[in-house]
Amino acid sequence: MEQRGTERYMSPALRDESVNAVGAGDRFAAGFLDEYLHGGDLPACLAAGNLAGALSTTRSGGIEAFRDAAYRQKFFEEHSLGK
């Protein structure tokens, strides 16, 4: 959840097969900031952060899921963010 003034924003966690949570927080931050730098509003930034963090947990080591472009694209498409 994020709060700005009196406004609160929530983005539900994604359910997926978690292999290893190492680096998920860093990947959340990266996804959030990427969306922010591309002009996303706070709800979009939260969703992108959650998606990046969730992808990170599907393979070991924190970045392995991001190395496979086809796997990454499929994951994003299945979770409604076609980036």
PDB file of N, CA and C in Angstrom:
ATOM      1  N   MET A   1       0.841  -1.169   0.000  1.00  0.00           N
ATOM      2  CA  MET A   1       0.000   0.000   0.000  1.00  0.00           C
ATOM      3  C   MET A   1       0.891   1.238   0.000  1.00  0.00           C
ATOM      4  N   GLU A   2       0.486   2.218  -0.725  1.00  0.00           N
ATOM      5  CA  GLU A   2       1.157   3.519  -0.758  1.00  0.00           C
ATOM      6  C   GLU A   2       0.134   4.569  -0.371  1.00  0.00           C
ATOM      7  N   GLN A   3       0.617   5.634   0.221  1.00  0.00           N
ATOM      8  CA  GLN A   3      -0.276   6.720   0.599  1.00  0.00           C
ATOM      9  C   GLN A   3       0.349   8.040   0.181  1.00  0.00           C
ATOM     10  N   ARG A   4      -0.493   8.886  -0.389  1.00  0.00           N
ATOM     11  CA  ARG A   4      -0.094  10.248  -0.763  1.00  0.00           C
ATOM     12  C   ARG A   4      -1.164  11.168  -0.204  1.00  0.00           C
ATOM     13  N   GLY A   5      -0.805  11.915   0.829  1.00  0.00           N
ATOM     14  CA  GLY A   5      -1.807  12.731   1.507  1.00  0.00           C
ATOM     15  C   GLY A   5      -2.859  11.828   2.118  1.00  0.00           C
ATOM     16  N   THR A   6      -4.112  12.063   1.752  1.00  0.00           N
ATOM     17  CA  THR A   6      -5.192  11.225   2.261  1.00  0.00           C
ATOM     18  C   THR A   6      -5.557  10.102   1.299  1.00  0.00           C
ATOM     19  N   GLU A   7      -4.893  10.053   0.148  1.00  0.00           N
ATOM     20  CA  GLU A   7      -5.173   9.013  -0.840  1.00  0.00           C
ATOM     21  C   GLU A   7      -4.342   7.765  -0.532  1.00  0.00           C
ATOM     22  N   ARG A   8      -4.975   6.597  -0.610  1.00  0.00           N
ATOM     23  CA  ARG A   8      -4.284   5.332  -0.399  1.00  0.00           C
ATOM     24  C   ARG A   8      -4.432   4.469  -1.644  1.00  0.00           C
ATOM     25  N   TYR A   9      -3.355   3.808  -2.002  1.00  0.00           N
ATOM     26  CA  TYR A   9      -3.345   2.950  -3.187  1.00  0.00           C
ATOM     27  C   TYR A   9      -2.871   1.563  -2.782  1.00  0.00           C
ATOM     28  N   MET A  10      -3.570   0.566  -3.303  1.00  0.00           N
ATOM     29  CA  MET A  10      -3.190  -0.820  -3.035  1.00  0.00           C
ATOM     30  C   MET A  10      -3.054  -1.549  -4.359  1.00  0.00           C
ATOM     31  N   SER A  11      -2.131  -2.465  -4.380  1.00  0.00           N
ATOM     32  CA  SER A  11      -1.955  -3.323  -5.543  1.00  0.00           C
ATOM     33  C   SER A  11      -1.826  -4.740  -5.022  1.00  0.00           C
ATOM     34  N   PRO A  12      -2.761  -5.607  -5.351  1.00  0.00           N
ATOM     35  CA  PRO A  12      -2.731  -6.963  -4.792  1.00  0.00           C
ATOM     36  C   PRO A  12      -1.508  -7.743  -5.263  1.00  0.00           C
ATOM     37  N   ALA A  13      -1.054  -8.620  -4.395  1.00  0.00           N
ATOM     38  CA  ALA A  13       0.074  -9.493  -4.736  1.00  0.00           C
ATOM     39  C   ALA A  13      -0.347 -10.482  -5.818  1.00  0.00           C
ATOM     40  N   LEU A  14       0.610 -10.881  -6.630  1.00  0.00           N
ATOM     41  CA  LEU A  14       0.358 -11.889  -7.656  1.00  0.00           C
ATOM     42  C   LEU A  14       0.599 -13.272  -7.083  1.00  0.00           C
ATOM     43  N   ARG A  15      -0.233 -14.197  -7.461  1.00  0.00           N
ATOM     44  CA  ARG A  15      -0.038 -15.588  -7.044  1.00  0.00           C
ATOM     45  C   ARG A  15       0.684 -16.316  -8.159  1.00  0.00           C
ATOM     46  N   ASP A  16       1.812 -16.889  -7.832  1.00  0.00           N
ATOM     47  CA  ASP A  16       2.592 -17.642  -8.802  1.00  0.00           C
ATOM     48  C   ASP A  16       3.509 -18.598  -8.058  1.00  0.00           C
ATOM     49  N   GLU A  17       4.170 -19.465  -8.780  1.00  0.00           N
ATOM     50  CA  GLU A  17       5.104 -20.399  -8.175  1.00  0.00           C
ATOM     51  C   GLU A  17       6.368 -19.662  -7.749  1.00  0.00           C
ATOM     52  N   SER A  18       6.577 -19.572  -6.461  1.00  0.00           N
ATOM     53  CA  SER A  18       7.766 -18.903  -5.943  1.00  0.00           C
ATOM     54  C   SER A  18       8.868 -19.926  -5.736  1.00  0.00           C
ATOM     55  N   VAL A  19      10.049 -19.621  -6.278  1.00  0.00           N
ATOM     56  CA  VAL A  19      11.209 -20.485  -6.146  1.00  0.00           C
ATOM     57  C   VAL A  19      12.174 -19.903  -5.125  1.00  0.00           C
ATOM     58  N   ASN A  20      12.376 -18.589  -5.182  1.00  0.00           N
ATOM     59  CA  ASN A  20      13.355 -17.943  -4.322  1.00  0.00           C
ATOM     60  C   ASN A  20      13.019 -16.453  -4.253  1.00  0.00           C
ATOM     61  N   ALA A  21      12.924 -15.912  -3.053  1.00  0.00           N
ATOM     62  CA  ALA A  21      12.541 -14.509  -2.881  1.00  0.00           C
ATOM     63  C   ALA A  21      13.729 -13.543  -2.869  1.00  0.00           C
ATOM     64  N   VAL A  22      14.929 -14.068  -3.062  1.00  0.00           N
ATOM     65  CA  VAL A  22      16.115 -13.203  -3.064  1.00  0.00           C
ATOM     66  C   VAL A  22      15.977 -12.141  -4.153  1.00  0.00           C
ATOM     67  N   GLY A  23      16.128 -10.893  -3.787  1.00  0.00           N
ATOM     68  CA  GLY A  23      16.095  -9.800  -4.750  1.00  0.00           C
ATOM     69  C   GLY A  23      14.720  -9.286  -5.119  1.00  0.00           C
ATOM     70  N   ALA A  24      13.663  -9.869  -4.574  1.00  0.00           N
ATOM     71  CA  ALA A  24      12.312  -9.449  -4.965  1.00  0.00           C
ATOM     72  C   ALA A  24      12.038  -7.986  -4.614  1.00  0.00           C
ATOM     73  N   GLY A  25      12.541  -7.536  -3.486  1.00  0.00           N
ATOM     74  CA  GLY A  25      12.344  -6.128  -3.108  1.00  0.00           C
ATOM     75  C   GLY A  25      13.066  -5.178  -4.047  1.00  0.00           C
ATOM     76  N   ASP A  26      14.278  -5.554  -4.435  1.00  0.00           N
ATOM     77  CA  ASP A  26      15.023  -4.732  -5.389  1.00  0.00           C
ATOM     78  C   ASP A  26      14.331  -4.711  -6.740  1.00  0.00           C
ATOM     79  N   ARG A  27      13.804  -5.852  -7.176  1.00  0.00           N
ATOM     80  CA  ARG A  27      13.097  -5.899  -8.456  1.00  0.00           C
ATOM     81  C   ARG A  27      11.804  -5.106  -8.378  1.00  0.00           C
ATOM     82  N   PHE A  28      11.120  -5.135  -7.199  1.00  0.00           N
ATOM     83  CA  PHE A  28       9.924  -4.303  -7.024  1.00  0.00           C
ATOM     84  C   PHE A  28      10.293  -2.843  -7.252  1.00  0.00           C
ATOM     85  N   ALA A  29      11.362  -2.400  -6.590  1.00  0.00           N
ATOM     86  CA  ALA A  29      11.795  -1.003  -6.721  1.00  0.00           C
ATOM     87  C   ALA A  29      12.124  -0.672  -8.166  1.00  0.00           C
ATOM     88  N   ALA A  30      12.784  -1.576  -8.859  1.00  0.00           N
ATOM     89  CA  ALA A  30      13.148  -1.334 -10.260  1.00  0.00           C
ATOM     90  C   ALA A  30      11.904  -1.213 -11.137  1.00  0.00           C
ATOM     91  N   GLY A  31      10.939  -2.105 -10.947  1.00  0.00           N
ATOM     92  CA  GLY A  31       9.706  -2.043 -11.728  1.00  0.00           C
ATOM     93  C   GLY A  31       8.912  -0.783 -11.437  1.00  0.00           C
ATOM     94  N   PHE A  32       8.832  -0.406 -10.165  1.00  0.00           N
ATOM     95  CA  PHE A  32       8.134   0.815  -9.754  1.00  0.00           C
ATOM     96  C   PHE A  32       8.775   2.035 -10.405  1.00  0.00           C
ATOM     97  N   LEU A  33      10.100   2.126 -10.289  1.00  0.00           N
ATOM     98  CA  LEU A  33      10.803   3.291 -10.836  1.00  0.00           C
ATOM     99  C   LEU A  33      10.756   3.348 -12.359  1.00  0.00           C
ATOM    100  N   ASP A  34      10.821   2.190 -13.003  1.00  0.00           N
ATOM    101  CA  ASP A  34      10.730   2.168 -14.462  1.00  0.00           C
ATOM    102  C   ASP A  34       9.393   2.751 -14.917  1.00  0.00           C
ATOM    103  N   GLU A  35       8.332   2.311 -14.278  1.00  0.00           N
ATOM    104  CA  GLU A  35       6.996   2.827 -14.634  1.00  0.00           C
ATOM    105  C   GLU A  35       6.895   4.316 -14.315  1.00  0.00           C
ATOM    106  N   TYR A  36       7.440   4.732 -13.189  1.00  0.00           N
ATOM    107  CA  TYR A  36       7.422   6.139 -12.805  1.00  0.00           C
ATOM    108  C   TYR A  36       8.157   6.997 -13.833  1.00  0.00           C
ATOM    109  N   LEU A  37       9.330   6.537 -14.246  1.00  0.00           N
ATOM    110  CA  LEU A  37      10.119   7.300 -15.210  1.00  0.00           C
ATOM    111  C   LEU A  37       9.472   7.352 -16.592  1.00  0.00           C
ATOM    112  N   HIS A  38       8.551   6.421 -16.850  1.00  0.00           N
ATOM    113  CA  HIS A  38       7.805   6.429 -18.103  1.00  0.00           C
ATOM    114  C   HIS A  38       6.459   7.134 -17.954  1.00  0.00           C
ATOM    115  N   GLY A  39       6.282   7.877 -16.862  1.00  0.00           N
ATOM    116  CA  GLY A  39       5.088   8.698 -16.695  1.00  0.00           C
ATOM    117  C   GLY A  39       3.913   8.029 -16.029  1.00  0.00           C
ATOM    118  N   GLY A  40       4.110   6.845 -15.462  1.00  0.00           N
ATOM    119  CA  GLY A  40       3.005   6.140 -14.826  1.00  0.00           C
ATOM    120  C   GLY A  40       2.524   6.827 -13.557  1.00  0.00           C
ATOM    121  N   ASP A  41       1.242   6.687 -13.282  1.00  0.00           N
ATOM    122  CA  ASP A  41       0.710   7.209 -12.025  1.00  0.00           C
ATOM    123  C   ASP A  41       1.013   6.204 -10.911  1.00  0.00           C
ATOM    124  N   LEU A  42       0.679   6.563  -9.685  1.00  0.00           N
ATOM    125  CA  LEU A  42       1.042   5.724  -8.547  1.00  0.00           C
ATOM    126  C   LEU A  42       0.461   4.310  -8.622  1.00  0.00           C
ATOM    127  N   PRO A  43      -0.820   4.128  -8.972  1.00  0.00           N
ATOM    128  CA  PRO A  43      -1.333   2.765  -9.093  1.00  0.00           C
ATOM    129  C   PRO A  43      -0.586   1.943 -10.156  1.00  0.00           C
ATOM    130  N   ALA A  44      -0.247   2.550 -11.283  1.00  0.00           N
ATOM    131  CA  ALA A  44       0.496   1.838 -12.324  1.00  0.00           C
ATOM    132  C   ALA A  44       1.902   1.489 -11.848  1.00  0.00           C
ATOM    133  N   CYS A  45       2.520   2.387 -11.105  1.00  0.00           N
ATOM    134  CA  CYS A  45       3.860   2.124 -10.570  1.00  0.00           C
ATOM    135  C   CYS A  45       3.830   0.960  -9.584  1.00  0.00           C
ATOM    136  N   LEU A  46       2.821   0.926  -8.723  1.00  0.00           N
ATOM    137  CA  LEU A  46       2.682  -0.181  -7.775  1.00  0.00           C
ATOM    138  C   LEU A  46       2.486  -1.505  -8.501  1.00  0.00           C
ATOM    139  N   ALA A  47       1.632  -1.510  -9.510  1.00  0.00           N
ATOM    140  CA  ALA A  47       1.368  -2.732 -10.267  1.00  0.00           C
ATOM    141  C   ALA A  47       2.639  -3.223 -10.965  1.00  0.00           C
ATOM    142  N   ALA A  48       3.386  -2.304 -11.561  1.00  0.00           N
ATOM    143  CA  ALA A  48       4.627  -2.682 -12.244  1.00  0.00           C
ATOM    144  C   ALA A  48       5.656  -3.210 -11.251  1.00  0.00           C
ATOM    145  N   GLY A  49       5.730  -2.592 -10.089  1.00  0.00           N
ATOM    146  CA  GLY A  49       6.638  -3.073  -9.053  1.00  0.00           C
ATOM    147  C   GLY A  49       6.271  -4.463  -8.581  1.00  0.00           C
ATOM    148  N   ASN A  50       4.982  -4.684  -8.338  1.00  0.00           N
ATOM    149  CA  ASN A  50       4.524  -6.017  -7.924  1.00  0.00           C
ATOM    150  C   ASN A  50       4.837  -7.059  -8.982  1.00  0.00           C
ATOM    151  N   LEU A  51       4.626  -6.712 -10.224  1.00  0.00           N
ATOM    152  CA  LEU A  51       4.877  -7.644 -11.314  1.00  0.00           C
ATOM    153  C   LEU A  51       6.360  -8.007 -11.402  1.00  0.00           C
ATOM    154  N   ALA A  52       7.217  -7.005 -11.318  1.00  0.00           N
ATOM    155  CA  ALA A  52       8.658  -7.262 -11.391  1.00  0.00           C
ATOM    156  C   ALA A  52       9.122  -8.088 -10.194  1.00  0.00           C
ATOM    157  N   GLY A  53       8.620  -7.768  -9.014  1.00  0.00           N
ATOM    158  CA  GLY A  53       8.979  -8.543  -7.826  1.00  0.00           C
ATOM    159  C   GLY A  53       8.514  -9.984  -7.924  1.00  0.00           C
ATOM    160  N   ALA A  54       7.297 -10.183  -8.430  1.00  0.00           N
ATOM    161  CA  ALA A  54       6.765 -11.538  -8.583  1.00  0.00           C
ATOM    162  C   ALA A  54       7.572 -12.338  -9.599  1.00  0.00           C
ATOM    163  N   LEU A  55       7.901 -11.719 -10.726  1.00  0.00           N
ATOM    164  CA  LEU A  55       8.713 -12.408 -11.730  1.00  0.00           C
ATOM    165  C   LEU A  55      10.037 -12.842 -11.132  1.00  0.00           C
ATOM    166  N   SER A  56      10.629 -11.975 -10.343  1.00  0.00           N
ATOM    167  CA  SER A  56      11.918 -12.263  -9.723  1.00  0.00           C
ATOM    168  C   SER A  56      11.897 -13.541  -8.901  1.00  0.00           C
ATOM    169  N   THR A  57      10.777 -13.834  -8.263  1.00  0.00           N
ATOM    170  CA  THR A  57      10.705 -15.001  -7.376  1.00  0.00           C
ATOM    171  C   THR A  57      10.511 -16.320  -8.110  1.00  0.00           C
ATOM    172  N   THR A  58      10.250 -16.282  -9.405  1.00  0.00           N
ATOM    173  CA  THR A  58       9.954 -17.516 -10.135  1.00  0.00           C
ATOM    174  C   THR A  58      11.192 -18.320 -10.522  1.00  0.00           C
ATOM    175  N   ARG A  59      12.360 -17.718 -10.373  1.00  0.00           N
ATOM    176  CA  ARG A  59      13.624 -18.423 -10.613  1.00  0.00           C
ATOM    177  C   ARG A  59      14.606 -18.001  -9.534  1.00  0.00           C
ATOM    178  N   SER A  60      15.605 -18.811  -9.302  1.00  0.00           N
ATOM    179  CA  SER A  60      16.550 -18.514  -8.225  1.00  0.00           C
ATOM    180  C   SER A  60      17.501 -17.384  -8.594  1.00  0.00           C
ATOM    181  N   GLY A  61      18.052 -16.747  -7.574  1.00  0.00           N
ATOM    182  CA  GLY A  61      19.123 -15.789  -7.772  1.00  0.00           C
ATOM    183  C   GLY A  61      18.741 -14.337  -7.938  1.00  0.00           C
ATOM    184  N   GLY A  62      17.486 -14.001  -7.982  1.00  0.00           N
ATOM    185  CA  GLY A  62      17.078 -12.606  -8.046  1.00  0.00           C
ATOM    186  C   GLY A  62      16.983 -12.004  -9.437  1.00  0.00           C
ATOM    187  N   ILE A  63      17.800 -12.447 -10.382  1.00  0.00           N
ATOM    188  CA  ILE A  63      17.753 -11.864 -11.732  1.00  0.00           C
ATOM    189  C   ILE A  63      17.577 -12.897 -12.835  1.00  0.00           C
ATOM    190  N   GLU A  64      17.636 -14.166 -12.506  1.00  0.00           N
ATOM    191  CA  GLU A  64      17.585 -15.204 -13.541  1.00  0.00           C
ATOM    192  C   GLU A  64      16.316 -15.141 -14.382  1.00  0.00           C
ATOM    193  N   ALA A  65      15.191 -14.822 -13.774  1.00  0.00           N
ATOM    194  CA  ALA A  65      13.931 -14.752 -14.530  1.00  0.00           C
ATOM    195  C   ALA A  65      13.950 -13.634 -15.556  1.00  0.00           C
ATOM    196  N   PHE A  66      14.753 -12.611 -15.331  1.00  0.00           N
ATOM    197  CA  PHE A  66      14.827 -11.478 -16.252  1.00  0.00           C
ATOM    198  C   PHE A  66      15.767 -11.729 -17.423  1.00  0.00           C
ATOM    199  N   ARG A  67      16.662 -12.692 -17.286  1.00  0.00           N
ATOM    200  CA  ARG A  67      17.645 -12.980 -18.348  1.00  0.00           C
ATOM    201  C   ARG A  67      17.009 -13.633 -19.570  1.00  0.00           C
ATOM    202  N   ASP A  68      15.932 -14.364 -19.363  1.00  0.00           N
ATOM    203  CA  ASP A  68      15.258 -15.087 -20.440  1.00  0.00           C
ATOM    204  C   ASP A  68      14.138 -14.198 -20.991  1.00  0.00           C
ATOM    205  N   ALA A  69      14.407 -13.533 -22.093  1.00  0.00           N
ATOM    206  CA  ALA A  69      13.466 -12.552 -22.649  1.00  0.00           C
ATOM    207  C   ALA A  69      12.108 -13.167 -22.982  1.00  0.00           C
ATOM    208  N   ALA A  70      12.096 -14.355 -23.551  1.00  0.00           N
ATOM    209  CA  ALA A  70      10.830 -14.996 -23.916  1.00  0.00           C
ATOM    210  C   ALA A  70      10.023 -15.340 -22.660  1.00  0.00           C
ATOM    211  N   TYR A  71      10.699 -15.862 -21.653  1.00  0.00           N
ATOM    212  CA  TYR A  71      10.036 -16.192 -20.389  1.00  0.00           C
ATOM    213  C   TYR A  71       9.477 -14.933 -19.737  1.00  0.00           C
ATOM    214  N   ARG A  72      10.270 -13.865 -19.705  1.00  0.00           N
ATOM    215  CA  ARG A  72       9.861 -12.595 -19.113  1.00  0.00           C
ATOM    216  C   ARG A  72       8.641 -12.029 -19.834  1.00  0.00           C
ATOM    217  N   GLN A  73       8.679 -12.024 -21.154  1.00  0.00           N
ATOM    218  CA  GLN A  73       7.566 -11.498 -21.945  1.00  0.00           C
ATOM    219  C   GLN A  73       6.285 -12.300 -21.702  1.00  0.00           C
ATOM    220  N   LYS A  74       6.415 -13.626 -21.675  1.00  0.00           N
ATOM    221  CA  LYS A  74       5.253 -14.483 -21.439  1.00  0.00           C
ATOM    222  C   LYS A  74       4.659 -14.213 -20.058  1.00  0.00           C
ATOM    223  N   PHE A  75       5.510 -14.087 -19.049  1.00  0.00           N
ATOM    224  CA  PHE A  75       5.054 -13.803 -17.694  1.00  0.00           C
ATOM    225  C   PHE A  75       4.299 -12.480 -17.656  1.00  0.00           C
ATOM    226  N   PHE A  76       4.868 -11.441 -18.253  1.00  0.00           N
ATOM    227  CA  PHE A  76       4.218 -10.132 -18.262  1.00  0.00           C
ATOM    228  C   PHE A  76       2.886 -10.181 -19.004  1.00  0.00           C
ATOM    229  N   GLU A  77       2.843 -10.874 -20.127  1.00  0.00           N
ATOM    230  CA  GLU A  77       1.587 -10.972 -20.882  1.00  0.00           C
ATOM    231  C   GLU A  77       0.519 -11.732 -20.098  1.00  0.00           C
ATOM    232  N   GLU A  78       0.926 -12.805 -19.424  1.00  0.00           N
ATOM    233  CA  GLU A  78      -0.031 -13.588 -18.625  1.00  0.00           C
ATOM    234  C   GLU A  78      -0.573 -12.794 -17.447  1.00  0.00           C
ATOM    235  N   HIS A  79       0.170 -11.806 -17.021  1.00  0.00           N
ATOM    236  CA  HIS A  79      -0.259 -10.998 -15.880  1.00  0.00           C
ATOM    237  C   HIS A  79      -0.650  -9.583 -16.324  1.00  0.00           C
ATOM    238  N   SER A  80      -1.014  -9.430 -17.582  1.00  0.00           N
ATOM    239  CA  SER A  80      -1.615  -8.213 -18.138  1.00  0.00           C
ATOM    240  C   SER A  80      -0.727  -6.979 -18.171  1.00  0.00           C
ATOM    241  N   LEU A  81       0.556  -7.157 -18.393  1.00  0.00           N
ATOM    242  CA  LEU A  81       1.428  -6.010 -18.602  1.00  0.00           C
ATOM    243  C   LEU A  81       2.363  -6.383 -19.740  1.00  0.00           C
ATOM    244  N   GLY A  82       1.951  -6.104 -20.960  1.00  0.00           N
ATOM    245  CA  GLY A  82       2.693  -6.535 -22.135  1.00  0.00           C
ATOM    246  C   GLY A  82       3.923  -5.722 -22.433  1.00  0.00           C
ATOM    247  N   LYS A  83       4.869  -5.658 -21.497  1.00  0.00           N
ATOM    248  CA  LYS A  83       6.114  -4.933 -21.730  1.00  0.00           C
ATOM    249  C   LYS A  83       7.216  -5.888 -22.067  1.00  0.00           C
TER     250      LYS A  83
END
